[in-house]
Amino acid sequence: MKPNEVARAVRTNEGKKYILINLDADLSEMDGWYWHEMAHLVAWEIHGENINTHGPEFRAICRQLVKHRTSYFCGGDS
């Protein structure tokens, strides 16, 4: 993980999926980042792992999970 990253969704070669959390990062917005990363896991499960990382499938799911600052955590429409 990058030093300023709060969390990251990852996939292993064996197909396992995890959310890594950087406990050294600023966790003041952890709730939004957690749901952002959870949206990646759900999008991969529903649409497969070859979708665009922050594409429309991800954004639609993210907007259902994140309850505040949706455009910040889930991205714009483009």
N, C-alpha and C. Protein backbone atom coordinates (compact mmCIF):
# COMPACT_ATOMS: atom_id res chain seq x y z
N MET A 1 0.84 -1.19 0.00
CA MET A 1 0.00 0.00 0.00
C MET A 1 0.88 1.25 0.00
N LYS A 2 0.34 2.30 -0.59
CA LYS A 2 1.03 3.58 -0.55
C LYS A 2 0.87 4.17 0.86
N PRO A 3 1.84 4.96 1.32
CA PRO A 3 1.77 5.49 2.69
C PRO A 3 0.51 6.30 2.99
N ASN A 4 -0.04 7.00 2.01
CA ASN A 4 -1.23 7.82 2.26
C ASN A 4 -2.54 7.09 2.02
N GLU A 5 -2.49 5.84 1.56
CA GLU A 5 -3.72 5.07 1.35
C GLU A 5 -4.33 4.68 2.68
N VAL A 6 -5.64 4.77 2.78
CA VAL A 6 -6.34 4.36 3.99
C VAL A 6 -6.68 2.88 3.91
N ALA A 7 -7.18 2.44 2.77
CA ALA A 7 -7.58 1.04 2.61
C ALA A 7 -7.44 0.66 1.14
N ARG A 8 -7.41 -0.65 0.90
CA ARG A 8 -7.31 -1.16 -0.47
C ARG A 8 -7.95 -2.54 -0.53
N ALA A 9 -8.74 -2.77 -1.56
CA ALA A 9 -9.28 -4.10 -1.84
C ALA A 9 -8.25 -4.84 -2.68
N VAL A 10 -7.97 -6.09 -2.32
CA VAL A 10 -6.98 -6.88 -3.05
C VAL A 10 -7.54 -8.26 -3.34
N ARG A 11 -6.99 -8.86 -4.40
CA ARG A 11 -7.34 -10.23 -4.79
C ARG A 11 -6.05 -11.03 -4.86
N THR A 12 -6.09 -12.24 -4.37
CA THR A 12 -4.92 -13.11 -4.47
C THR A 12 -5.03 -13.96 -5.73
N ASN A 13 -3.95 -14.58 -6.12
CA ASN A 13 -3.96 -15.49 -7.27
C ASN A 13 -4.87 -16.68 -7.02
N GLU A 14 -5.11 -16.99 -5.76
CA GLU A 14 -5.98 -18.12 -5.41
C GLU A 14 -7.45 -17.73 -5.38
N GLY A 15 -7.76 -16.47 -5.67
CA GLY A 15 -9.15 -16.03 -5.72
C GLY A 15 -9.69 -15.46 -4.42
N LYS A 16 -8.87 -15.37 -3.39
CA LYS A 16 -9.34 -14.78 -2.13
C LYS A 16 -9.33 -13.27 -2.25
N LYS A 17 -10.27 -12.63 -1.56
CA LYS A 17 -10.40 -11.19 -1.61
C LYS A 17 -10.33 -10.64 -0.18
N TYR A 18 -9.60 -9.52 -0.03
CA TYR A 18 -9.40 -8.90 1.27
C TYR A 18 -9.51 -7.39 1.16
N ILE A 19 -9.77 -6.75 2.30
CA ILE A 19 -9.62 -5.31 2.41
C ILE A 19 -8.47 -5.08 3.39
N LEU A 20 -7.42 -4.43 2.90
CA LEU A 20 -6.28 -4.08 3.75
C LEU A 20 -6.52 -2.68 4.30
N ILE A 21 -6.20 -2.48 5.56
CA ILE A 21 -6.38 -1.18 6.20
C ILE A 21 -5.02 -0.70 6.69
N ASN A 22 -4.67 0.53 6.35
CA ASN A 22 -3.43 1.14 6.78
C ASN A 22 -3.68 1.86 8.10
N LEU A 23 -3.31 1.26 9.20
CA LEU A 23 -3.57 1.83 10.51
C LEU A 23 -2.71 3.06 10.80
N ASP A 24 -1.71 3.32 9.97
CA ASP A 24 -0.87 4.51 10.14
C ASP A 24 -1.44 5.71 9.39
N ALA A 25 -2.45 5.51 8.58
CA ALA A 25 -3.04 6.59 7.80
C ALA A 25 -4.06 7.37 8.64
N ASP A 26 -4.52 8.49 8.10
CA ASP A 26 -5.57 9.27 8.74
C ASP A 26 -6.88 8.50 8.59
N LEU A 27 -7.39 7.99 9.68
CA LEU A 27 -8.59 7.13 9.64
C LEU A 27 -9.87 7.91 9.90
N SER A 28 -9.81 9.24 9.84
CA SER A 28 -10.99 10.04 10.15
C SER A 28 -12.16 9.77 9.19
N GLU A 29 -11.87 9.31 7.98
CA GLU A 29 -12.93 9.00 7.02
C GLU A 29 -12.94 7.51 6.69
N MET A 30 -12.56 6.70 7.65
CA MET A 30 -12.46 5.27 7.42
C MET A 30 -13.79 4.66 6.98
N ASP A 31 -14.90 5.15 7.51
CA ASP A 31 -16.19 4.58 7.14
C ASP A 31 -16.43 4.68 5.64
N GLY A 32 -16.13 5.81 5.04
CA GLY A 32 -16.32 5.96 3.60
C GLY A 32 -15.36 5.11 2.81
N TRP A 33 -14.11 5.06 3.25
CA TRP A 33 -13.13 4.24 2.53
C TRP A 33 -13.44 2.76 2.66
N TYR A 34 -13.91 2.33 3.81
CA TYR A 34 -14.27 0.92 3.97
C TYR A 34 -15.34 0.53 2.96
N TRP A 35 -16.40 1.34 2.86
CA TRP A 35 -17.49 1.01 1.94
C TRP A 35 -17.05 1.15 0.48
N HIS A 36 -16.14 2.06 0.19
CA HIS A 36 -15.56 2.17 -1.15
C HIS A 36 -14.87 0.86 -1.52
N GLU A 37 -14.04 0.35 -0.63
CA GLU A 37 -13.32 -0.89 -0.90
C GLU A 37 -14.26 -2.09 -0.93
N MET A 38 -15.27 -2.09 -0.08
CA MET A 38 -16.26 -3.17 -0.10
C MET A 38 -16.99 -3.18 -1.45
N ALA A 39 -17.23 -2.01 -2.02
CA ALA A 39 -17.88 -1.93 -3.33
C ALA A 39 -17.03 -2.63 -4.40
N HIS A 40 -15.71 -2.53 -4.29
CA HIS A 40 -14.84 -3.26 -5.23
C HIS A 40 -15.08 -4.76 -5.10
N LEU A 41 -15.13 -5.26 -3.88
CA LEU A 41 -15.33 -6.70 -3.68
C LEU A 41 -16.68 -7.16 -4.23
N VAL A 42 -17.71 -6.38 -3.98
CA VAL A 42 -19.05 -6.73 -4.46
C VAL A 42 -19.10 -6.66 -5.99
N ALA A 43 -18.51 -5.62 -6.57
CA ALA A 43 -18.50 -5.48 -8.03
C ALA A 43 -17.78 -6.65 -8.68
N TRP A 44 -16.65 -7.07 -8.12
CA TRP A 44 -15.93 -8.22 -8.67
C TRP A 44 -16.79 -9.48 -8.57
N GLU A 45 -17.49 -9.63 -7.47
CA GLU A 45 -18.32 -10.83 -7.27
C GLU A 45 -19.48 -10.87 -8.28
N ILE A 46 -20.10 -9.73 -8.51
CA ILE A 46 -21.27 -9.67 -9.39
C ILE A 46 -20.87 -9.63 -10.87
N HIS A 47 -19.88 -8.82 -11.21
CA HIS A 47 -19.57 -8.54 -12.61
C HIS A 47 -18.28 -9.20 -13.11
N GLY A 48 -17.57 -9.87 -12.25
CA GLY A 48 -16.30 -10.48 -12.64
C GLY A 48 -15.13 -9.54 -12.36
N GLU A 49 -13.95 -10.07 -12.43
CA GLU A 49 -12.77 -9.31 -12.03
C GLU A 49 -12.13 -8.53 -13.17
N ASN A 50 -12.68 -8.57 -14.36
CA ASN A 50 -12.10 -7.86 -15.49
C ASN A 50 -12.79 -6.53 -15.78
N ILE A 51 -13.59 -6.05 -14.85
CA ILE A 51 -14.26 -4.76 -15.04
C ILE A 51 -13.27 -3.62 -14.76
N ASN A 52 -13.60 -2.44 -15.27
CA ASN A 52 -12.80 -1.25 -15.00
C ASN A 52 -12.83 -0.97 -13.50
N THR A 53 -11.66 -0.70 -12.92
CA THR A 53 -11.53 -0.55 -11.46
C THR A 53 -12.55 0.41 -10.86
N HIS A 54 -12.74 1.57 -11.46
CA HIS A 54 -13.70 2.55 -10.97
C HIS A 54 -14.75 2.86 -12.04
N GLY A 55 -15.11 1.82 -12.78
CA GLY A 55 -16.09 1.96 -13.85
C GLY A 55 -17.52 2.02 -13.36
N PRO A 56 -18.48 2.00 -14.27
CA PRO A 56 -19.88 2.17 -13.92
C PRO A 56 -20.42 1.08 -12.99
N GLU A 57 -19.95 -0.13 -13.14
CA GLU A 57 -20.42 -1.21 -12.25
C GLU A 57 -20.01 -0.92 -10.80
N PHE A 58 -18.75 -0.54 -10.63
CA PHE A 58 -18.26 -0.19 -9.30
C PHE A 58 -19.02 1.01 -8.74
N ARG A 59 -19.16 2.07 -9.54
CA ARG A 59 -19.79 3.30 -9.05
C ARG A 59 -21.23 3.08 -8.62
N ALA A 60 -21.97 2.27 -9.36
CA ALA A 60 -23.36 2.00 -9.00
C ALA A 60 -23.44 1.29 -7.64
N ILE A 61 -22.58 0.33 -7.42
CA ILE A 61 -22.58 -0.39 -6.14
C ILE A 61 -22.08 0.52 -5.03
N CYS A 62 -21.03 1.28 -5.30
CA CYS A 62 -20.48 2.19 -4.30
C CYS A 62 -21.54 3.18 -3.81
N ARG A 63 -22.31 3.71 -4.72
CA ARG A 63 -23.35 4.68 -4.34
C ARG A 63 -24.44 4.05 -3.48
N GLN A 64 -24.62 2.76 -3.58
CA GLN A 64 -25.59 2.09 -2.72
C GLN A 64 -25.04 1.88 -1.31
N LEU A 65 -23.72 1.75 -1.19
CA LEU A 65 -23.10 1.45 0.10
C LEU A 65 -22.66 2.69 0.87
N VAL A 66 -22.09 3.66 0.17
CA VAL A 66 -21.58 4.87 0.83
C VAL A 66 -22.74 5.82 1.07
N LYS A 67 -22.84 6.34 2.28
CA LYS A 67 -23.99 7.17 2.64
C LYS A 67 -23.70 8.66 2.72
N HIS A 68 -22.45 9.09 2.56
CA HIS A 68 -22.12 10.51 2.58
C HIS A 68 -20.95 10.77 1.62
N ARG A 69 -20.89 11.99 1.09
CA ARG A 69 -19.81 12.38 0.17
C ARG A 69 -19.63 11.35 -0.94
N THR A 70 -20.74 10.94 -1.50
CA THR A 70 -20.74 9.87 -2.50
C THR A 70 -19.85 10.20 -3.70
N SER A 71 -19.91 11.44 -4.20
CA SER A 71 -19.08 11.76 -5.36
C SER A 71 -17.60 11.68 -5.01
N TYR A 72 -17.23 11.98 -3.78
CA TYR A 72 -15.84 11.90 -3.35
C TYR A 72 -15.38 10.43 -3.26
N PHE A 73 -16.16 9.60 -2.62
CA PHE A 73 -15.77 8.21 -2.41
C PHE A 73 -16.04 7.31 -3.61
N CYS A 74 -17.01 7.66 -4.44
CA CYS A 74 -17.42 6.76 -5.53
C CYS A 74 -17.09 7.29 -6.92
N GLY A 75 -16.68 8.51 -7.03
CA GLY A 75 -16.31 9.06 -8.34
C GLY A 75 -17.50 9.65 -9.07
N GLY A 76 -17.17 10.34 -10.14
CA GLY A 76 -18.20 10.99 -10.95
C GLY A 76 -18.83 10.03 -11.94
N ASP A 77 -19.64 10.57 -12.81
CA ASP A 77 -20.37 9.75 -13.78
C ASP A 77 -19.53 9.38 -14.98
N SER A 78 -18.40 10.03 -15.20
CA SER A 78 -17.61 9.70 -16.39
C SER A 78 -16.62 8.59 -16.11
